[in-house]
Amino acid sequence: MSQRTIKLWQALIPLIILAVIWLYPCPDGLKIEAWHMFAIFVATIAAILCAPLPSGAIMFIALAAVIFTNTLSFKAALSGFASGTVWMIFSAYVLSLGFVQSGLGRRIAYRTLSMFGGSSLGIAYSLGIADLILAPAMPSVTARSGGIILPISKSINQVLGSEPGPNQKKLGEFLTMTCFQFTPITGAMFMTGMAANPLCATLAKEGLGIELTWVGWFWAAVVPAMICFFILPLLTYKILNPELKKTPEAKIMGSRELKAMGQMSKQEIKVACGFVLALVGWGTTMWTGYNANAIGIALAAFLFLTGAVNWKDVLNDKAAWDTVVWFGVIISLATGLSSLGFVKWMSTGFASMLTGMDWMTAFILLGFAYIYLHYVFATASGHVAAMYVPFALVTIGAGAPPMMVAICFAIFSNFMWAITEYAGGPGPIFFGQGYFERPRFYSVNFVLVTINVLIVFLSGMVWWKLIGLY
């Protein structure tokens, strides 16, 4: 098959999907605009997967489609660019650039290597532990994972010569995937571990009549989440099989290079100060009232103001701007699905189908459905707002213990955003590193998330019985 034929099919598949859904009779109980919005959304995702054009270009086409078909207003179509998540991602790119250009990332990487560099698993666990320590104080997973953990991981890959390309299997793809999947696990452990977690607690109280406290959340989530935490690197190690297994030379190299770097430069100090100030800001949002996304913008401003990062260098970072465009549009599309009533119609209809089942069957089926339906969401908050209460109510109505259901769906509200690169803030940053093509990125994520869900069901049922949740 010629390249031209392949390109033609890559373009035709999304168009065929769009036409079939668009022309299919609108289901009862759904506005025609909502059905058309669904058609455009599915076709856009198909186009991203088929890649007849770069993702940014596809997003502009989708944007034009929703505007000129009167599916969304011009204001609604551009609403995603006003999302704080988009600009938190951009701020994370700026911080990452500061870590790399100043050498601070390399310094931290060398320190990490000197302490835990004996094996690829040791390096992975050390970064996971760092994520775990930061999780209760940093509800922004984009800031925690994309802004702090990823730059260190990226620097370690650079040090060990495993950047995207021929040498990525040495360590880079394993370490990048493991760090990406660590964050939903660590976020699930704490009510303050992810921005949508407090929303889960609020909805549990208002919609289910269940009070979720910080300590109660942690006590219920800690055992299943920690089992996932320890098993995850072993799974990614088995699936991706990094070539660098034992790395004793990494510890020696880390100590040697750290000494060779000498004292911290002024630029490193500026980046470090910005990092610490942002860390304090993110960790105190619940008391100061400052939005975590606003803290990210302030961080970028600080780095520009002090000269730690040069704006011209940011302009040259094509991945950052491409991410801003396509992630802004995907949020607009997903928000459109929700605002037009499609998500509520879908979740209510699906949940009602399970009424009358025994509670264990309903609990498991709805738990998996809650995870996989996140393929049509670009943010965890939107998913939680639309589906947490309806799915939990149906499960509880089938006879499942209320507190157990509330906790389990709260945990899954973290796991679900790790299935694609658009499903949560860190996704586009990690995917943008270039280690994975989309089909492979999706398939590995699917396997890892599915296994994590199974672990939560199996270990959680035992643990929740021991602590009296049912």
Protein backbone atom coordinates (compact mmCIF):
# COMPACT_ATOMS: atom_id res chain seq x y z
CA MET A 1 0.00 0.00 0.00
CA SER A 2 1.43 3.37 -1.01
CA GLN A 3 1.99 6.24 1.40
CA ARG A 4 -0.62 8.28 -0.47
CA THR A 5 -3.23 5.54 0.02
CA ILE A 6 -2.40 5.30 3.72
CA LYS A 7 -2.74 9.07 4.08
CA LEU A 8 -6.12 8.92 2.32
CA TRP A 9 -7.42 6.27 4.71
CA GLN A 10 -6.05 8.19 7.68
CA ALA A 11 -8.20 11.13 6.61
CA LEU A 12 -11.25 9.11 5.53
CA ILE A 13 -11.70 7.09 8.73
CA PRO A 14 -12.48 10.12 10.96
CA LEU A 15 -14.74 11.59 8.24
CA ILE A 16 -16.68 8.33 7.91
CA ILE A 17 -17.10 8.11 11.68
CA LEU A 18 -18.30 11.72 11.76
CA ALA A 19 -20.82 11.13 8.96
CA VAL A 20 -22.21 7.89 10.42
CA ILE A 21 -22.80 9.34 13.90
CA TRP A 22 -23.98 12.72 12.59
CA LEU A 23 -26.59 11.17 10.25
CA TYR A 24 -27.78 8.52 12.70
CA PRO A 25 -31.13 9.47 14.26
CA CYS A 26 -30.70 11.42 17.48
CA PRO A 27 -31.59 9.23 20.50
CA ASP A 28 -34.64 10.11 22.59
CA GLY A 29 -33.98 12.48 25.44
CA LEU A 30 -31.02 14.13 23.73
CA LYS A 31 -30.82 17.47 21.94
CA ILE A 32 -29.60 17.34 18.34
CA GLU A 33 -26.72 19.70 19.24
CA ALA A 34 -25.53 17.23 21.87
CA TRP A 35 -25.58 14.37 19.35
CA HIS A 36 -23.65 16.46 16.80
CA MET A 37 -21.18 17.41 19.54
CA PHE A 38 -20.64 13.71 20.25
CA ALA A 39 -20.07 13.04 16.54
CA ILE A 40 -17.43 15.77 16.28
CA PHE A 41 -15.74 14.67 19.50
CA VAL A 42 -15.46 11.01 18.45
CA ALA A 43 -14.25 11.99 14.97
CA THR A 44 -11.63 14.28 16.53
CA ILE A 45 -10.31 11.49 18.76
CA ALA A 46 -10.26 9.16 15.73
CA ALA A 47 -8.32 11.80 13.77
CA ILE A 48 -5.80 12.13 16.58
CA LEU A 49 -5.28 8.37 16.49
CA CYS A 50 -5.14 8.14 12.68
CA ALA A 51 -2.94 11.28 12.46
CA PRO A 52 -3.59 12.46 8.89
CA LEU A 53 -2.36 15.86 10.14
CA PRO A 54 -0.48 17.06 13.24
CA SER A 55 -2.68 17.17 16.36
CA GLY A 56 -2.67 20.98 16.54
CA ALA A 57 -4.03 21.25 13.00
CA ILE A 58 -6.70 18.62 13.75
CA MET A 59 -7.82 20.66 16.74
CA PHE A 60 -8.26 23.81 14.65
CA ILE A 61 -10.39 21.82 12.19
CA ALA A 62 -12.51 20.52 15.09
CA LEU A 63 -12.80 24.06 16.42
CA ALA A 64 -14.06 25.31 13.07
CA ALA A 65 -16.49 22.38 12.83
CA VAL A 66 -18.24 23.06 16.16
CA ILE A 67 -18.47 26.81 15.40
CA PHE A 68 -19.73 26.69 11.80
CA THR A 69 -22.23 23.89 12.45
CA ASN A 70 -23.64 26.00 15.32
CA THR A 71 -22.97 23.13 17.69
CA LEU A 72 -21.19 25.48 20.11
CA SER A 73 -21.08 29.24 20.30
CA PHE A 74 -17.80 30.95 19.45
CA LYS A 75 -17.29 31.76 23.14
CA ALA A 76 -17.96 28.16 24.24
CA ALA A 77 -15.67 26.78 21.52
CA LEU A 78 -12.78 28.86 22.87
CA SER A 79 -13.59 28.33 26.56
CA GLY A 80 -10.92 25.65 26.92
CA PHE A 81 -8.20 28.25 26.44
CA ALA A 82 -9.46 29.97 29.59
CA SER A 83 -8.98 26.76 31.57
CA GLY A 84 -6.41 27.08 34.33
CA THR A 85 -5.25 23.53 33.53
CA VAL A 86 -4.02 24.61 30.09
CA TRP A 87 -1.90 27.38 31.55
CA MET A 88 -0.70 25.22 34.41
CA ILE A 89 0.61 22.86 31.73
CA PHE A 90 2.31 25.79 30.02
CA SER A 91 3.85 26.88 33.36
CA ALA A 92 5.09 23.33 33.90
CA TYR A 93 6.83 23.49 30.52
CA VAL A 94 8.48 26.79 31.55
CA LEU A 95 9.69 25.27 34.83
CA SER A 96 10.92 22.18 33.00
CA LEU A 97 12.89 24.44 30.63
CA GLY A 98 14.43 26.19 33.65
CA PHE A 99 15.45 22.88 35.21
CA VAL A 100 17.13 21.75 32.01
CA GLN A 101 18.80 25.00 30.91
CA SER A 102 20.11 26.00 34.34
CA GLY A 103 21.52 22.57 35.08
CA LEU A 104 19.45 22.23 38.27
CA GLY A 105 17.70 19.20 36.84
CA ARG A 106 21.04 17.59 36.11
CA ARG A 107 22.23 18.40 39.64
CA ILE A 108 19.17 16.77 41.21
CA ALA A 109 19.50 13.86 38.79
CA TYR A 110 23.11 13.31 39.76
CA ARG A 111 22.19 13.47 43.44
CA THR A 112 19.40 10.95 42.85
CA LEU A 113 21.73 8.70 40.89
CA SER A 114 24.40 8.84 43.60
CA MET A 115 21.86 7.65 46.15
CA PHE A 116 19.55 5.27 44.26
CA GLY A 117 21.29 4.62 40.95
CA GLY A 118 22.12 0.98 41.49
CA SER A 119 19.31 -0.19 39.23
CA SER A 120 16.61 1.14 36.94
CA LEU A 121 14.00 0.02 39.46
CA GLY A 122 15.80 1.90 42.22
CA ILE A 123 15.72 5.11 40.19
CA ALA A 124 12.01 4.63 39.45
CA TYR A 125 11.08 4.00 43.09
CA SER A 126 13.09 7.03 44.26
CA LEU A 127 11.09 9.34 41.99
CA GLY A 128 7.86 7.65 43.07
CA ILE A 129 8.71 8.25 46.71
CA ALA A 130 9.37 11.91 45.95
CA ASP A 131 5.93 12.11 44.30
CA LEU A 132 4.38 10.40 47.33
CA ILE A 133 5.96 12.86 49.77
CA LEU A 134 4.69 15.83 47.75
CA ALA A 135 1.19 14.44 47.13
CA PRO A 136 -0.64 15.46 50.34
CA ALA A 137 0.57 19.05 50.02
CA MET A 138 0.13 19.48 46.25
CA PRO A 139 -3.37 18.96 44.87
CA SER A 140 -2.26 19.98 41.37
CA VAL A 141 -1.10 16.76 39.72
CA THR A 142 0.15 18.81 36.77
CA ALA A 143 2.40 20.87 39.03
CA ARG A 144 3.57 17.89 41.04
CA SER A 145 4.14 15.43 38.24
CA GLY A 146 4.73 17.59 35.18
CA GLY A 147 6.50 20.44 36.94
CA ILE A 148 8.68 18.61 39.46
CA ILE A 149 9.04 14.86 38.85
CA LEU A 150 9.25 14.94 35.04
CA PRO A 151 12.14 17.45 34.79
CA ILE A 152 14.19 15.26 37.14
CA SER A 153 13.27 12.12 35.21
CA LYS A 154 14.12 13.89 31.95
CA SER A 155 17.52 14.90 33.28
CA ILE A 156 18.30 11.35 34.43
CA ASN A 157 17.44 10.07 30.95
CA GLN A 158 19.77 12.68 29.45
CA VAL A 159 22.56 11.70 31.83
CA LEU A 160 22.22 8.02 30.95
CA GLY A 161 21.87 8.71 27.21
CA SER A 162 18.31 7.42 26.87
CA GLU A 163 16.46 10.25 25.18
CA PRO A 164 13.68 9.61 22.60
CA GLY A 165 15.03 7.77 19.60
CA PRO A 166 17.28 4.74 19.08
CA ASN A 167 18.37 4.60 22.76
CA GLN A 168 15.02 5.19 24.42
CA LYS A 169 14.65 1.56 25.51
CA LYS A 170 17.77 1.83 27.69
CA LEU A 171 15.75 3.54 30.42
CA GLY A 172 13.81 6.54 29.10
CA GLU A 173 10.49 5.03 28.10
CA PHE A 174 10.34 2.88 31.25
CA LEU A 175 11.11 5.77 33.58
CA THR A 176 8.75 8.18 31.79
CA MET A 177 5.81 5.76 31.84
CA THR A 178 6.41 4.77 35.47
CA CYS A 179 6.54 8.39 36.64
CA PHE A 180 3.37 9.16 34.68
CA GLN A 181 1.48 6.29 36.32
CA PHE A 182 2.81 6.99 39.83
CA THR A 183 0.94 10.28 40.18
CA PRO A 184 -2.67 8.99 40.00
CA ILE A 185 -1.73 6.40 42.62
CA THR A 186 -0.18 8.90 45.03
CA GLY A 187 -3.03 11.35 44.36
CA ALA A 188 -5.62 8.71 45.26
CA MET A 189 -4.17 8.33 48.74
CA PHE A 190 -5.02 11.82 50.01
CA MET A 191 -8.05 14.08 49.89
CA THR A 192 -5.60 16.85 48.98
CA GLY A 193 -3.68 14.72 46.48
CA MET A 194 -5.61 15.81 43.38
CA ALA A 195 -7.69 18.89 42.58
CA ALA A 196 -10.90 16.91 42.00
CA ASN A 197 -10.63 14.96 45.27
CA PRO A 198 -12.24 17.70 47.39
CA LEU A 199 -15.03 17.75 44.78
CA CYS A 200 -15.56 14.03 45.41
CA ALA A 201 -15.82 14.75 49.14
CA THR A 202 -18.30 17.59 48.54
CA LEU A 203 -20.46 15.50 46.20
CA ALA A 204 -20.36 12.54 48.60
CA LYS A 205 -21.76 14.76 51.35
CA GLU A 206 -24.33 16.63 49.25
CA GLY A 207 -25.38 13.86 46.86
CA LEU A 208 -24.88 10.71 48.90
CA GLY A 209 -25.12 11.96 52.48
CA ILE A 210 -21.67 10.55 53.29
CA GLU A 211 -18.97 12.51 55.15
CA LEU A 212 -15.44 11.88 53.83
CA THR A 213 -12.78 13.27 56.19
CA TRP A 214 -9.09 13.73 55.33
CA VAL A 215 -8.04 11.01 57.81
CA GLY A 216 -10.89 8.70 56.83
CA TRP A 217 -10.01 9.03 53.15
CA PHE A 218 -6.33 8.27 53.82
CA TRP A 219 -7.10 5.30 56.09
CA ALA A 220 -9.41 3.71 53.52
CA ALA A 221 -7.18 4.38 50.51
CA VAL A 222 -3.67 3.82 51.86
CA VAL A 223 -3.50 0.00 51.65
CA PRO A 224 -4.88 -0.58 48.11
CA ALA A 225 -3.03 2.50 46.80
CA MET A 226 0.30 1.47 48.37
CA ILE A 227 -0.02 -2.02 46.90
CA CYS A 228 -0.47 -0.39 43.48
CA PHE A 229 2.50 1.89 44.26
CA PHE A 230 4.89 -1.00 44.90
CA ILE A 231 3.63 -3.19 42.06
CA LEU A 232 3.56 -0.49 39.35
CA PRO A 233 7.32 -0.27 38.61
CA LEU A 234 7.50 -4.06 38.46
CA LEU A 235 4.70 -4.09 35.88
CA THR A 236 6.20 -1.37 33.69
CA TYR A 237 9.57 -3.09 34.05
CA LYS A 238 8.03 -6.34 32.77
CA ILE A 239 6.08 -4.69 29.93
CA LEU A 240 8.74 -2.25 28.66
CA ASN A 241 11.82 -4.31 29.63
CA PRO A 242 14.44 -1.51 29.93
CA GLU A 243 17.87 -2.47 28.66
CA LEU A 244 19.61 -0.88 31.66
CA LYS A 245 18.77 -3.27 34.49
CA LYS A 246 21.68 -2.95 36.90
CA THR A 247 23.35 0.44 36.82
CA PRO A 248 26.14 0.43 39.43
CA GLU A 249 28.09 2.84 37.24
CA ALA A 250 25.24 5.33 37.61
CA LYS A 251 25.96 5.82 41.32
CA ILE A 252 29.65 6.40 40.65
CA MET A 253 28.88 8.69 37.73
CA GLY A 254 26.33 10.60 39.80
CA SER A 255 28.83 11.32 42.57
CA ARG A 256 31.59 12.23 40.12
CA GLU A 257 29.47 14.55 37.98
CA LEU A 258 27.89 16.18 41.02
CA LYS A 259 31.32 17.07 42.31
CA ALA A 260 32.38 18.32 38.87
CA MET A 261 29.42 20.71 38.71
CA GLY A 262 30.73 22.57 41.73
CA GLN A 263 28.63 25.20 43.48
CA MET A 264 25.14 26.10 42.25
CA SER A 265 25.08 28.80 39.58
CA LYS A 266 22.96 31.95 39.91
CA GLN A 267 20.52 30.60 37.35
CA GLU A 268 20.17 27.35 39.30
CA ILE A 269 19.51 29.31 42.48
CA LYS A 270 16.82 31.38 40.75
CA VAL A 271 15.09 28.26 39.39
CA ALA A 272 15.39 26.57 42.79
CA CYS A 273 13.89 29.63 44.53
CA GLY A 274 11.00 29.68 42.06
CA PHE A 275 10.48 25.97 42.61
CA VAL A 276 10.44 26.32 46.42
CA LEU A 277 8.13 29.34 46.34
CA ALA A 278 5.74 27.49 44.02
CA LEU A 279 5.92 24.42 46.23
CA VAL A 280 4.97 26.52 49.24
CA GLY A 281 2.21 28.18 47.23
CA TRP A 282 0.76 24.88 45.99
CA GLY A 283 1.03 23.32 49.43
CA THR A 284 -0.86 26.14 51.16
CA THR A 285 -3.70 26.77 48.69
CA MET A 286 -6.27 25.42 51.12
CA TRP A 287 -5.28 28.14 53.62
CA THR A 288 -4.32 31.05 51.37
CA GLY A 289 -7.18 30.60 48.92
CA TYR A 290 -4.89 31.12 45.91
CA ASN A 291 -5.73 28.87 42.98
CA ALA A 292 -3.04 26.28 42.17
CA ASN A 293 -3.19 27.25 38.49
CA ALA A 294 -2.64 30.90 39.41
CA ILE A 295 0.42 29.83 41.41
CA GLY A 296 1.72 28.16 38.25
CA ILE A 297 1.33 31.38 36.26
CA ALA A 298 3.07 33.30 39.05
CA LEU A 299 5.91 30.76 38.91
CA ALA A 300 6.36 31.36 35.16
CA ALA A 301 6.28 35.12 35.77
CA PHE A 302 8.95 34.79 38.49
CA LEU A 303 11.20 32.78 36.19
CA PHE A 304 10.85 35.36 33.42
CA LEU A 305 11.28 38.30 35.79
CA THR A 306 14.50 36.96 37.33
CA GLY A 307 15.93 35.88 33.98
CA ALA A 308 15.99 32.23 35.04
CA VAL A 309 14.16 31.41 31.79
CA ASN A 310 14.33 33.42 28.57
CA TRP A 311 11.06 34.09 26.73
CA LYS A 312 12.73 33.53 23.36
CA ASP A 313 13.65 30.00 24.47
CA VAL A 314 10.00 29.39 25.38
CA LEU A 315 8.96 30.60 21.92
CA ASN A 316 11.24 27.95 20.44
CA ASP A 317 9.63 25.19 22.54
CA LYS A 318 7.25 23.87 19.88
CA ALA A 319 5.88 21.11 22.13
CA ALA A 320 4.68 23.66 24.70
CA TRP A 321 2.68 25.69 22.20
CA ASP A 322 1.32 22.64 20.41
CA THR A 323 0.10 21.37 23.77
CA VAL A 324 -1.59 24.68 24.62
CA VAL A 325 -3.51 24.56 21.32
CA TRP A 326 -4.72 20.98 21.24
CA PHE A 327 -5.35 20.62 24.98
CA GLY A 328 -7.31 23.90 25.04
CA VAL A 329 -9.55 22.66 22.22
CA ILE A 330 -10.06 19.18 23.69
CA ILE A 331 -11.23 20.78 26.95
CA SER A 332 -13.70 22.91 24.97
CA LEU A 333 -15.05 19.83 23.20
CA ALA A 334 -15.36 17.81 26.39
CA THR A 335 -17.01 20.73 28.18
CA GLY A 336 -19.42 21.00 25.27
CA LEU A 337 -20.42 17.36 25.67
CA SER A 338 -21.24 18.03 29.30
CA SER A 339 -22.97 21.41 28.91
CA LEU A 340 -25.20 20.13 26.09
CA GLY A 341 -26.36 17.24 28.27
CA PHE A 342 -24.73 14.32 26.46
CA VAL A 343 -22.64 13.14 29.42
CA LYS A 344 -25.58 13.24 31.83
CA TRP A 345 -27.77 11.37 29.32
CA MET A 346 -25.10 8.74 28.74
CA SER A 347 -24.25 8.17 32.41
CA THR A 348 -27.88 8.09 33.55
CA GLY A 349 -28.89 5.69 30.80
CA PHE A 350 -25.95 3.39 31.35
CA ALA A 351 -26.36 3.36 35.12
CA SER A 352 -30.09 2.63 34.95
CA MET A 353 -29.41 -0.47 32.85
CA LEU A 354 -27.75 -2.09 35.85
CA THR A 355 -30.61 -1.54 38.28
CA GLY A 356 -31.72 -4.85 39.80
CA MET A 357 -28.30 -6.54 39.70
CA ASP A 358 -26.69 -7.85 42.88
CA TRP A 359 -24.55 -5.16 44.47
CA MET A 360 -21.17 -6.84 43.89
CA THR A 361 -21.77 -7.23 40.15
CA ALA A 362 -23.09 -3.67 39.87
CA PHE A 363 -20.16 -2.38 41.91
CA ILE A 364 -17.53 -4.02 39.68
CA LEU A 365 -19.24 -3.19 36.37
CA LEU A 366 -19.85 0.43 37.30
CA GLY A 367 -16.33 0.77 38.70
CA PHE A 368 -14.78 -0.30 35.39
CA ALA A 369 -17.30 1.77 33.42
CA TYR A 370 -16.45 4.83 35.52
CA ILE A 371 -12.79 4.41 34.56
CA TYR A 372 -13.19 3.71 30.85
CA LEU A 373 -15.83 6.35 30.19
CA HIS A 374 -13.12 8.87 30.94
CA TYR A 375 -12.05 8.44 27.32
CA VAL A 376 -14.62 11.14 26.52
CA PHE A 377 -13.33 13.54 29.19
CA ALA A 378 -10.36 15.89 29.18
CA THR A 379 -10.44 16.77 32.88
CA ALA A 380 -11.04 14.80 36.06
CA SER A 381 -13.19 17.54 37.58
CA GLY A 382 -15.71 17.43 34.72
CA HIS A 383 -15.95 13.66 34.96
CA VAL A 384 -16.42 13.73 38.73
CA ALA A 385 -19.05 16.46 38.53
CA ALA A 386 -21.06 14.57 35.90
CA MET A 387 -20.72 10.93 36.93
CA TYR A 388 -19.59 10.47 40.54
CA VAL A 389 -23.02 10.82 42.15
CA PRO A 390 -25.14 8.97 39.51
CA PHE A 391 -22.83 5.97 39.40
CA ALA A 392 -22.44 5.85 43.17
CA LEU A 393 -26.20 6.15 43.74
CA VAL A 394 -26.97 3.23 41.41
CA THR A 395 -24.29 1.10 43.10
CA ILE A 396 -25.57 1.97 46.57
CA GLY A 397 -29.16 1.39 45.39
CA ALA A 398 -28.14 -2.12 44.39
CA GLY A 399 -27.13 -2.75 48.02
CA ALA A 400 -23.43 -1.88 48.08
CA PRO A 401 -22.08 -0.33 51.33
CA PRO A 402 -22.25 3.49 50.93
CA MET A 403 -18.90 4.47 52.49
CA MET A 404 -17.02 1.82 50.55
CA VAL A 405 -18.59 2.98 47.29
CA ALA A 406 -17.81 6.64 48.01
CA ILE A 407 -14.14 5.86 48.74
CA CYS A 408 -13.67 3.47 45.82
CA PHE A 409 -15.10 5.86 43.21
CA ALA A 410 -12.97 8.63 44.73
CA ILE A 411 -9.85 6.47 44.21
CA PHE A 412 -10.93 5.71 40.64
CA SER A 413 -11.40 9.45 40.04
CA ASN A 414 -7.60 9.59 40.20
CA PHE A 415 -6.76 6.42 38.29
CA MET A 416 -9.00 7.29 35.34
CA TRP A 417 -6.99 10.25 34.01
CA ALA A 418 -3.97 8.02 33.31
CA ILE A 419 -5.60 6.21 30.38
CA THR A 420 -4.80 8.76 27.64
CA GLU A 421 -2.63 11.81 27.03
CA TYR A 422 -5.62 14.19 27.02
CA ALA A 423 -7.48 12.82 30.06
CA GLY A 424 -5.60 14.92 32.65
CA GLY A 425 -3.05 17.68 33.08
CA PRO A 426 0.19 15.62 33.21
CA GLY A 427 -0.76 13.53 30.17
CA PRO A 428 0.20 15.91 27.37
CA ILE A 429 3.46 16.80 29.10
CA PHE A 430 4.59 13.20 29.50
CA PHE A 431 3.34 12.14 26.08
CA GLY A 432 5.03 15.19 24.58
CA GLN A 433 8.44 13.83 25.59
CA GLY A 434 8.30 11.68 22.45
CA TYR A 435 8.92 8.20 23.84
CA PHE A 436 5.61 6.72 22.68
CA GLU A 437 3.39 6.74 19.62
CA ARG A 438 -0.27 7.17 20.57
CA PRO A 439 -1.46 3.56 19.97
CA ARG A 440 1.35 2.17 22.13
CA PHE A 441 0.89 4.89 24.77
CA TYR A 442 -2.83 4.07 24.96
CA SER A 443 -2.33 0.30 25.11
CA VAL A 444 0.30 0.38 27.87
CA ASN A 445 -1.80 2.82 29.90
CA PHE A 446 -4.87 0.64 29.44
CA VAL A 447 -3.08 -2.42 30.80
CA LEU A 448 -1.54 -0.59 33.77
CA VAL A 449 -4.74 1.20 34.77
CA THR A 450 -6.79 -1.99 34.43
CA ILE A 451 -4.40 -3.91 36.68
CA ASN A 452 -4.46 -1.07 39.23
CA VAL A 453 -8.27 -1.18 39.26
CA LEU A 454 -8.22 -4.95 39.80
CA ILE A 455 -5.74 -4.49 42.67
CA VAL A 456 -8.03 -1.91 44.30
CA PHE A 457 -11.04 -4.22 44.00
CA LEU A 458 -9.21 -7.27 45.35
CA SER A 459 -7.14 -5.70 48.12
CA GLY A 460 -9.71 -3.02 48.88
CA MET A 461 -12.50 -5.49 49.57
CA VAL A 462 -10.31 -7.21 52.14
CA TRP A 463 -9.00 -3.99 53.72
CA TRP A 464 -12.38 -2.25 53.78
CA LYS A 465 -13.87 -5.32 55.51
CA LEU A 466 -11.12 -5.21 58.15
CA ILE A 467 -11.66 -1.53 58.92
CA GLY A 468 -15.42 -1.87 59.04
CA LEU A 469 -16.61 -0.12 55.89
CA TYR A 470 -18.94 -3.04 55.24
